[in-house]
Amino acid sequence: MNPFSRRHFIQLGAAATLAPFINARGQDAPGKKLGVALLGLGDYATHQLGPALKQTTNAKLVGIITGSPAKIPVWQKEYEIPDGNIYNYENFDTIADNKDIDVVYVVTPTALHPEFAIRAAKAGKHVICEKPMAPTAADCQRMIDASKAVGKTLQIGYRLHWDPYHLRLMEIMKKKEFGDWKSISTRNASVMKTFTDLNAWRISKKLGVAGSLYDLGVYCVQASLYTAGMNPVSVTAKHSTKRTEVFTEVPETYEWVLEFPDGRKADGFSSYGDEGNHVRAEVEKGRVELTPAYWYAGIKGTTPDGPMNFPAVNQQAKQIDGQCAAILAGTPSMVPGEMGCRDIQVVNGIIEAAETGKPFTFGKFPY
C-alpha cells in the first residue's frame, strides 16, 4: 500500500482549514521579502507569474534569466530590474554571487527543468520549478538531491494547493464529510489548433516529453491523489491521435485508470483534441465536483449541500507567497520536490501502460 504520509495529512488539514481565511503571509513568516528571479520569460512568466509577483507579500521580482535579449528592456521597465540582476543561460551560474536573489523560479519547457533547477541549487538558491517537474523520476531525484546537498528548498509550481475551491475539496475528502469516495473522475482537455511559436514545444518529445499528458494530465494526476487521499498501486492506459499530421512525436490524447490499494479506481483523461475540465468524486451521500477545475480563474464547485462559494484569488500570487512563507519560516513545503517526483512516477507509469497495453505496477513512492 502507498497511503499518504502522516505529514501530508497534517499539512493538508491545516491548509484546507486555514488557507482561505489567513493572510497570504502565513502565520510564522517574518517581514522580509525574498528576492525572486524568473528563469524563462515565456507566456506563463509574462502573463501570470510576473503580474502575480506585483501582488505578493513575501516575495519580490528582482531578477530575470533569459535567452531572448529583446525581452530584457521590456521586463526592466515593467519591474524595475537592475542591470546587475539580469542573466542569460550561459552566465547564469554567476548568480551564486548575487545576494539580492534568494529564489530561482524555473519556467522553461519541461525537458529543461532538471538542468536549470540543479544549476540554481548549486548556485545556493532556493528553487521553485514549474509543473510538471521533469521528464523522468530519475531526473526529479537528481533535482531533489542537488537542493538537499546545499540545504535549500525545492518546490513545485502547484498553484491549486492555494486555491480555495481545491482546498475545500481536500478538506471534504479528508474529513469524509459526505462519506467515503466510491469513484473519481478527472479530465483536463482543450482543443488546441496552433502549435507554432510559443506552443511549438508542447508537441515536441524533446521539450514537452509527452504532450497533453505532461502539460494537462499532471493536473488530473494531482487531483486524483489528493481527492483519494492515497497513492495508486497500478495503472492501465491507452493513447490515441486523430490529427496525425500534427502529432508526429507525441500522442494527442491519453486515457488512464488508476487503481488504489483497496481496489477503488480513478479515471483520467488529457487531450489537445477534445474538451473537458473537471475533478469529480462520487461519495456515499452524492457527488463532490469542481467544474471547471483547473483554470486560473472561474473555478466552480458543488457538494451534496449545494454550490461552493469563494471569492476569486490570484492563484499564482497565493502560491508564491505560500512557498516563500515556508522558506522564511523554515517549515515544510506544501508542494515539495518529493511530491513532484511522485507525480512524475505516476505519469511515467501511464506512458508505460499505454505503450505496452499492459497494467503498470508502481513501486515505492517518495511522498
Protein backbone atom coordinates (compact mmCIF):
# COMPACT_ATOMS: atom_id res chain seq x y z
CA MET A 1 0.00 0.00 0.00
CA ASN A 2 1.04 3.58 -0.65
CA PRO A 3 -1.08 5.79 1.60
CA PHE A 4 -0.09 9.40 2.02
CA SER A 5 2.33 10.14 4.81
CA ARG A 6 1.14 11.41 8.17
CA ARG A 7 3.00 14.65 7.47
CA HIS A 8 0.94 15.09 4.32
CA PHE A 9 -2.35 14.79 6.18
CA ILE A 10 -1.24 17.23 8.86
CA GLN A 11 -0.24 19.77 6.21
CA LEU A 12 -3.32 19.10 4.12
CA GLY A 13 -5.64 19.55 7.05
CA ALA A 14 -4.01 22.77 8.15
CA ALA A 15 -4.04 24.21 4.66
CA ALA A 16 -7.59 23.22 3.86
CA THR A 17 -8.91 24.62 7.14
CA LEU A 18 -6.90 27.82 7.37
CA ALA A 19 -5.67 28.88 3.96
CA PRO A 20 -8.84 30.62 2.75
CA PHE A 21 -9.02 32.66 5.95
CA ILE A 22 -5.44 33.65 6.84
CA ASN A 23 -3.44 36.32 5.08
CA ALA A 24 -1.02 35.45 2.32
CA ARG A 25 1.99 35.78 4.57
CA GLY A 26 1.23 32.77 6.70
CA GLN A 27 1.33 32.63 10.47
CA ASP A 28 5.03 32.42 11.19
CA ALA A 29 6.82 34.16 8.30
CA PRO A 30 8.86 37.24 9.30
CA GLY A 31 8.64 40.57 7.48
CA LYS A 32 11.38 40.09 4.90
CA LYS A 33 10.55 39.75 1.21
CA LEU A 34 12.51 37.13 -0.69
CA GLY A 35 14.07 38.17 -3.99
CA VAL A 36 12.81 36.04 -6.87
CA ALA A 37 14.38 35.61 -10.30
CA LEU A 38 12.31 34.16 -13.14
CA LEU A 39 14.22 31.78 -15.40
CA GLY A 40 12.45 31.66 -18.77
CA LEU A 41 10.27 34.56 -19.89
CA GLY A 42 7.67 32.76 -21.97
CA ASP A 43 3.90 33.14 -21.93
CA TYR A 44 3.32 31.87 -18.39
CA ALA A 45 6.02 34.03 -16.83
CA THR A 46 4.90 37.07 -18.83
CA HIS A 47 1.17 36.88 -18.28
CA GLN A 48 0.84 35.07 -14.94
CA LEU A 49 3.94 34.95 -12.74
CA GLY A 50 5.27 38.44 -13.42
CA PRO A 51 1.94 40.15 -12.68
CA ALA A 52 1.38 37.88 -9.68
CA LEU A 53 4.69 38.97 -8.16
CA LYS A 54 3.34 42.51 -8.04
CA GLN A 55 0.71 41.24 -5.59
CA THR A 56 2.88 39.13 -3.29
CA THR A 57 3.63 39.91 0.33
CA ASN A 58 6.59 37.59 0.89
CA ALA A 59 8.34 37.89 -2.46
CA LYS A 60 9.50 40.47 -4.96
CA LEU A 61 10.64 40.03 -8.56
CA VAL A 62 14.24 41.25 -8.59
CA GLY A 63 15.91 39.31 -11.43
CA ILE A 64 15.45 37.57 -14.77
CA ILE A 65 17.30 34.86 -16.67
CA THR A 66 16.53 34.76 -20.38
CA GLY A 67 17.91 33.68 -23.73
CA SER A 68 16.00 36.46 -25.51
CA PRO A 69 17.84 39.81 -25.28
CA ALA A 70 14.91 41.68 -26.84
CA LYS A 71 12.78 40.89 -23.78
CA ILE A 72 15.19 42.48 -21.31
CA PRO A 73 14.25 46.18 -21.69
CA VAL A 74 10.55 45.34 -21.53
CA TRP A 75 10.95 43.48 -18.24
CA GLN A 76 13.33 46.08 -16.81
CA LYS A 77 10.84 48.84 -17.46
CA GLU A 78 7.85 46.91 -16.12
CA TYR A 79 9.53 45.57 -12.96
CA GLU A 80 12.44 47.99 -12.32
CA ILE A 81 15.02 45.21 -12.53
CA PRO A 82 18.60 46.50 -12.22
CA ASP A 83 21.25 45.62 -14.80
CA GLY A 84 23.17 43.56 -12.27
CA ASN A 85 20.25 41.16 -11.82
CA ILE A 86 19.92 40.17 -15.47
CA TYR A 87 21.41 36.87 -16.66
CA ASN A 88 21.43 34.66 -19.72
CA TYR A 89 21.67 30.87 -19.80
CA GLU A 90 25.44 30.97 -20.26
CA ASN A 91 26.39 33.23 -17.33
CA PHE A 92 23.53 32.06 -15.11
CA ASP A 93 25.84 30.23 -12.67
CA THR A 94 27.34 33.55 -11.53
CA ILE A 95 24.01 34.20 -9.82
CA ALA A 96 25.68 32.50 -6.84
CA ASP A 97 27.36 35.83 -6.08
CA ASN A 98 24.12 37.82 -6.14
CA LYS A 99 22.74 38.44 -2.66
CA ASP A 100 19.58 40.09 -3.99
CA ILE A 101 18.27 36.79 -5.36
CA ASP A 102 17.04 34.16 -2.90
CA VAL A 103 14.77 32.08 -5.15
CA VAL A 104 15.00 31.00 -8.78
CA TYR A 105 11.67 30.11 -10.38
CA VAL A 106 12.27 27.78 -13.35
CA VAL A 107 9.65 28.39 -16.05
CA THR A 108 11.07 26.65 -19.13
CA PRO A 109 9.71 23.73 -21.18
CA THR A 110 9.61 20.53 -19.14
CA ALA A 111 12.73 18.85 -20.52
CA LEU A 112 14.89 21.80 -19.44
CA HIS A 113 13.76 21.80 -15.82
CA PRO A 114 16.42 19.42 -14.46
CA GLU A 115 19.40 21.32 -15.86
CA PHE A 116 18.32 24.72 -14.61
CA ALA A 117 16.93 23.57 -11.26
CA ILE A 118 20.18 21.79 -10.49
CA ARG A 119 22.29 24.77 -11.61
CA ALA A 120 20.19 27.09 -9.45
CA ALA A 121 20.60 24.81 -6.44
CA LYS A 122 24.35 24.59 -6.97
CA ALA A 123 24.38 28.38 -7.01
CA GLY A 124 22.93 28.26 -3.50
CA LYS A 125 19.40 29.35 -4.33
CA HIS A 126 16.02 28.03 -3.32
CA VAL A 127 14.16 26.65 -6.34
CA ILE A 128 10.56 26.74 -7.45
CA CYS A 129 10.12 24.54 -10.51
CA GLU A 130 7.06 24.84 -12.68
CA LYS A 131 4.98 21.72 -13.21
CA PRO A 132 5.42 19.06 -14.46
CA MET A 133 8.64 18.63 -12.53
CA ALA A 134 10.82 16.78 -15.06
CA PRO A 135 10.79 14.12 -17.80
CA THR A 136 11.54 11.16 -15.50
CA ALA A 137 11.52 10.25 -11.83
CA ALA A 138 15.30 9.83 -12.03
CA ASP A 139 15.56 13.46 -13.20
CA CYS A 140 13.37 14.51 -10.29
CA GLN A 141 15.59 12.71 -7.81
CA ARG A 142 18.69 14.44 -9.17
CA MET A 143 16.95 17.77 -8.63
CA ILE A 144 15.94 16.83 -5.09
CA ASP A 145 19.46 15.66 -4.25
CA ALA A 146 21.02 18.87 -5.62
CA SER A 147 18.85 21.07 -3.39
CA LYS A 148 19.38 18.91 -0.32
CA ALA A 149 23.14 18.97 -0.85
CA VAL A 150 23.20 22.75 -0.33
CA GLY A 151 20.44 22.93 2.29
CA LYS A 152 17.95 24.73 0.04
CA THR A 153 14.30 24.02 -0.72
CA LEU A 154 12.88 22.65 -3.95
CA GLN A 155 9.18 23.29 -4.50
CA ILE A 156 6.85 22.65 -7.43
CA GLY A 157 4.52 25.22 -9.00
CA TYR A 158 1.30 23.50 -7.98
CA ARG A 159 -0.84 26.66 -7.68
CA LEU A 160 -4.08 24.80 -6.93
CA HIS A 161 -2.87 23.93 -3.44
CA TRP A 162 -3.66 27.57 -2.62
CA ASP A 163 -6.95 27.80 -4.49
CA PRO A 164 -9.93 27.89 -2.07
CA TYR A 165 -12.05 25.51 -4.16
CA HIS A 166 -9.36 22.85 -4.23
CA LEU A 167 -8.60 23.40 -0.57
CA ARG A 168 -12.26 22.85 0.21
CA LEU A 169 -12.26 19.69 -1.91
CA MET A 170 -9.24 18.38 0.01
CA GLU A 171 -10.89 19.18 3.34
CA ILE A 172 -14.16 17.48 2.39
CA MET A 173 -12.43 14.33 1.26
CA LYS A 174 -10.03 14.18 4.18
CA LYS A 175 -12.82 14.54 6.74
CA LYS A 176 -15.24 12.36 4.73
CA GLU A 177 -17.92 14.99 5.27
CA PHE A 178 -20.25 13.29 2.79
CA GLY A 179 -18.96 9.77 3.33
CA ASP A 180 -16.08 7.95 1.70
CA TRP A 181 -15.46 8.13 -2.01
CA LYS A 182 -16.57 5.39 -4.39
CA SER A 183 -15.02 6.55 -7.66
CA ILE A 184 -13.10 9.52 -9.02
CA SER A 185 -13.08 11.04 -12.49
CA THR A 186 -10.64 13.69 -13.73
CA ARG A 187 -10.44 15.36 -17.12
CA ASN A 188 -8.28 18.19 -18.45
CA ALA A 189 -8.55 18.68 -22.19
CA SER A 190 -8.72 21.52 -24.67
CA VAL A 191 -8.88 21.67 -28.45
CA MET A 192 -5.66 23.39 -29.47
CA LYS A 193 -5.28 24.34 -33.11
CA THR A 194 -1.98 26.23 -33.22
CA PHE A 195 1.31 24.55 -32.36
CA THR A 196 3.76 27.10 -33.67
CA ASP A 197 5.80 29.81 -31.93
CA LEU A 198 5.06 29.72 -28.17
CA ASN A 199 3.12 26.45 -28.46
CA ALA A 200 5.64 24.51 -30.56
CA TRP A 201 7.31 22.90 -27.55
CA ARG A 202 4.03 21.30 -26.43
CA ILE A 203 4.13 18.67 -29.18
CA SER A 204 7.90 18.19 -29.16
CA LYS A 205 9.04 14.98 -27.49
CA LYS A 206 12.42 16.59 -26.84
CA LEU A 207 10.97 19.55 -24.93
CA GLY A 208 7.39 18.68 -23.98
CA VAL A 209 8.07 14.95 -23.43
CA ALA A 210 4.51 13.58 -23.80
CA GLY A 211 2.34 16.48 -24.89
CA SER A 212 -1.00 16.86 -23.14
CA LEU A 213 -0.21 14.19 -20.55
CA TYR A 214 2.60 16.28 -19.10
CA ASP A 215 1.05 19.67 -19.75
CA LEU A 216 -2.57 18.97 -18.74
CA GLY A 217 -2.66 15.43 -17.41
CA VAL A 218 -0.44 16.15 -14.41
CA TYR A 219 -3.31 18.25 -13.00
CA CYS A 220 -5.55 15.18 -13.23
CA VAL A 221 -2.95 13.01 -11.51
CA GLN A 222 -2.61 15.57 -8.73
CA ALA A 223 -6.36 15.94 -8.30
CA SER A 224 -6.91 12.17 -8.25
CA LEU A 225 -4.36 11.67 -5.49
CA TYR A 226 -5.43 14.45 -3.17
CA THR A 227 -9.07 13.55 -3.71
CA ALA A 228 -8.41 9.88 -2.96
CA GLY A 229 -6.06 10.66 -0.09
CA MET A 230 -3.76 7.82 -1.08
CA ASN A 231 -1.32 6.77 -3.77
CA PRO A 232 -2.17 4.24 -6.51
CA VAL A 233 -0.77 0.75 -6.85
CA SER A 234 -1.22 0.30 -10.60
CA VAL A 235 -2.48 1.91 -13.80
CA THR A 236 -3.93 0.87 -17.16
CA ALA A 237 -3.82 3.33 -20.05
CA LYS A 238 -4.09 3.99 -23.76
CA HIS A 239 -3.31 6.84 -26.12
CA SER A 240 -4.74 7.92 -29.45
CA THR A 241 -4.25 10.53 -32.16
CA LYS A 242 -6.74 11.93 -34.66
CA ARG A 243 -4.59 14.69 -36.19
CA THR A 244 -1.67 12.51 -37.22
CA GLU A 245 -0.27 15.26 -39.43
CA VAL A 246 0.19 17.47 -36.35
CA PHE A 247 1.05 14.97 -33.63
CA THR A 248 4.06 13.25 -35.16
CA GLU A 249 6.11 12.96 -31.95
CA VAL A 250 3.60 12.68 -29.09
CA PRO A 251 0.03 11.34 -28.84
CA GLU A 252 -2.88 13.77 -29.00
CA THR A 253 -4.87 12.08 -26.22
CA TYR A 254 -4.18 9.94 -23.14
CA GLU A 255 -6.73 7.99 -21.09
CA TRP A 256 -5.95 6.03 -17.94
CA VAL A 257 -7.38 4.33 -14.86
CA LEU A 258 -5.52 4.41 -11.54
CA GLU A 259 -6.20 1.57 -9.11
CA PHE A 260 -5.74 2.14 -5.39
CA PRO A 261 -4.80 -0.36 -2.65
CA ASP A 262 -8.40 -1.20 -1.77
CA GLY A 263 -9.47 -1.70 -5.39
CA ARG A 264 -11.21 1.64 -5.90
CA LYS A 265 -10.38 3.45 -9.13
CA ALA A 266 -9.88 6.93 -10.59
CA ASP A 267 -10.06 7.57 -14.31
CA GLY A 268 -8.12 10.34 -16.04
CA PHE A 269 -8.16 12.00 -19.45
CA SER A 270 -5.93 14.60 -21.09
CA SER A 271 -6.04 15.81 -24.67
CA TYR A 272 -5.17 18.60 -27.07
CA GLY A 273 -8.02 17.47 -29.33
CA ASP A 274 -11.02 17.27 -27.00
CA GLU A 275 -12.71 19.26 -24.26
CA GLY A 276 -13.23 18.78 -20.54
CA ASN A 277 -12.18 20.27 -17.23
CA HIS A 278 -13.26 18.59 -14.00
CA VAL A 279 -12.46 16.58 -10.92
CA ARG A 280 -15.44 14.56 -9.71
CA ALA A 281 -15.79 12.28 -6.70
CA GLU A 282 -18.79 10.04 -6.24
CA VAL A 283 -19.24 9.77 -2.49
CA GLU A 284 -21.68 7.98 -0.21
CA LYS A 285 -24.03 10.96 0.00
CA GLY A 286 -23.81 12.18 -3.58
CA ARG A 287 -21.12 13.95 -5.57
CA VAL A 288 -18.35 16.46 -4.90
CA GLU A 289 -17.25 18.19 -8.08
CA LEU A 290 -15.17 21.07 -9.43
CA THR A 291 -16.11 22.08 -12.98
CA PRO A 292 -14.16 23.84 -14.35
CA ALA A 293 -11.40 22.65 -12.06
CA TYR A 294 -8.02 23.76 -13.38
CA TRP A 295 -8.46 27.27 -14.76
CA TYR A 296 -6.55 30.27 -13.41
CA ALA A 297 -9.91 31.84 -12.51
CA GLY A 298 -13.58 30.95 -12.67
CA ILE A 299 -13.46 27.60 -10.85
CA LYS A 300 -16.86 26.39 -9.68
CA GLY A 301 -17.65 23.67 -7.17
CA THR A 302 -20.63 21.74 -5.87
CA THR A 303 -21.24 19.38 -2.97
CA PRO A 304 -24.31 17.40 -1.83
CA ASP A 305 -25.13 20.51 0.24
CA GLY A 306 -25.07 22.83 -2.77
CA PRO A 307 -22.59 25.11 -4.56
CA MET A 308 -19.29 26.22 -3.12
CA ASN A 309 -18.86 29.98 -2.99
CA PHE A 310 -15.42 31.52 -2.53
CA PRO A 311 -14.01 34.89 -3.59
CA ALA A 312 -11.69 34.98 -6.57
CA VAL A 313 -7.97 34.82 -5.78
CA ASN A 314 -4.79 35.22 -7.78
CA GLN A 315 -3.64 31.60 -7.58
CA GLN A 316 -0.07 32.35 -8.60
CA ALA A 317 0.32 35.14 -6.04
CA LYS A 318 -1.08 32.91 -3.29
CA GLN A 319 1.21 30.07 -4.39
CA ILE A 320 4.40 32.13 -4.42
CA ASP A 321 3.53 33.78 -1.12
CA GLY A 322 2.86 30.40 0.46
CA GLN A 323 6.07 28.92 -0.87
CA CYS A 324 8.14 31.88 0.29
CA ALA A 325 6.40 31.86 3.67
CA ALA A 326 7.57 28.26 4.13
CA ILE A 327 11.14 29.26 3.26
CA LEU A 328 11.08 32.24 5.62
CA ALA A 329 9.58 30.26 8.48
CA GLY A 330 11.70 27.16 7.87
CA THR A 331 8.59 24.97 7.69
CA PRO A 332 7.90 22.08 5.29
CA SER A 333 6.53 22.96 1.89
CA MET A 334 3.01 22.00 0.89
CA VAL A 335 4.37 21.11 -2.56
CA PRO A 336 7.90 19.71 -2.14
CA GLY A 337 10.05 18.15 -4.83
CA GLU A 338 9.17 14.71 -3.50
CA MET A 339 5.52 15.35 -4.38
CA GLY A 340 6.50 16.36 -7.90
CA CYS A 341 8.65 13.24 -8.20
CA ARG A 342 5.75 11.05 -7.12
CA ASP A 343 3.53 12.59 -9.78
CA ILE A 344 6.13 12.03 -12.48
CA GLN A 345 6.36 8.39 -11.39
CA VAL A 346 2.63 8.13 -12.00
CA VAL A 347 2.89 9.91 -15.36
CA ASN A 348 5.77 7.65 -16.40
CA GLY A 349 3.63 4.66 -15.43
CA ILE A 350 0.76 5.92 -17.58
CA ILE A 351 3.09 6.19 -20.57
CA GLU A 352 4.47 2.70 -19.98
CA ALA A 353 0.98 1.20 -19.67
CA ALA A 354 -0.21 2.97 -22.81
CA GLU A 355 2.82 1.83 -24.81
CA THR A 356 2.66 -1.81 -23.72
CA GLY A 357 -1.08 -2.23 -23.38
CA LYS A 358 -0.47 -3.90 -20.02
CA PRO A 359 -1.13 -2.75 -16.45
CA PHE A 360 1.83 -0.98 -14.85
CA THR A 361 2.53 -1.63 -11.17
CA PHE A 362 4.08 1.19 -9.18
CA GLY A 363 6.93 0.74 -6.76
CA LYS A 364 7.60 2.80 -3.65
CA PHE A 365 6.74 6.49 -3.88
CA PRO A 366 8.91 9.22 -2.33
CA TYR A 367 5.86 11.08 -0.99
